[in-house]
């Protein structure tokens, strides 16, 4: 019997702990999505408040009566990988 190509792939990887939290990656084959990287970025942004903290450093000279998008939202648009920010709005739902 010929071994399957995936027989040599470990079922999970363990990395060094981060801030005493274990980091484990496994391949259970559960739900897979094409925007998984974006989901990870969104979770990281929510937990670390990266976008909102970065937005505080920008001086907004625009007329407040004519603003449709906050500085935070404009910064978040740059998070979209591969320039998707111009083609898709679904990633914004993840970030906010």
Foldseek 3Di string as FASTA:
>chain_A
DDDDPCPPPDQKDWDDDDVPHTDMGGPPPPDDDPCVVLLVVLVVCVVVVVLVVVLVPDDDPDDPVPDDDRSSRVVVLVVDPPNCSVVDDVSVVSND
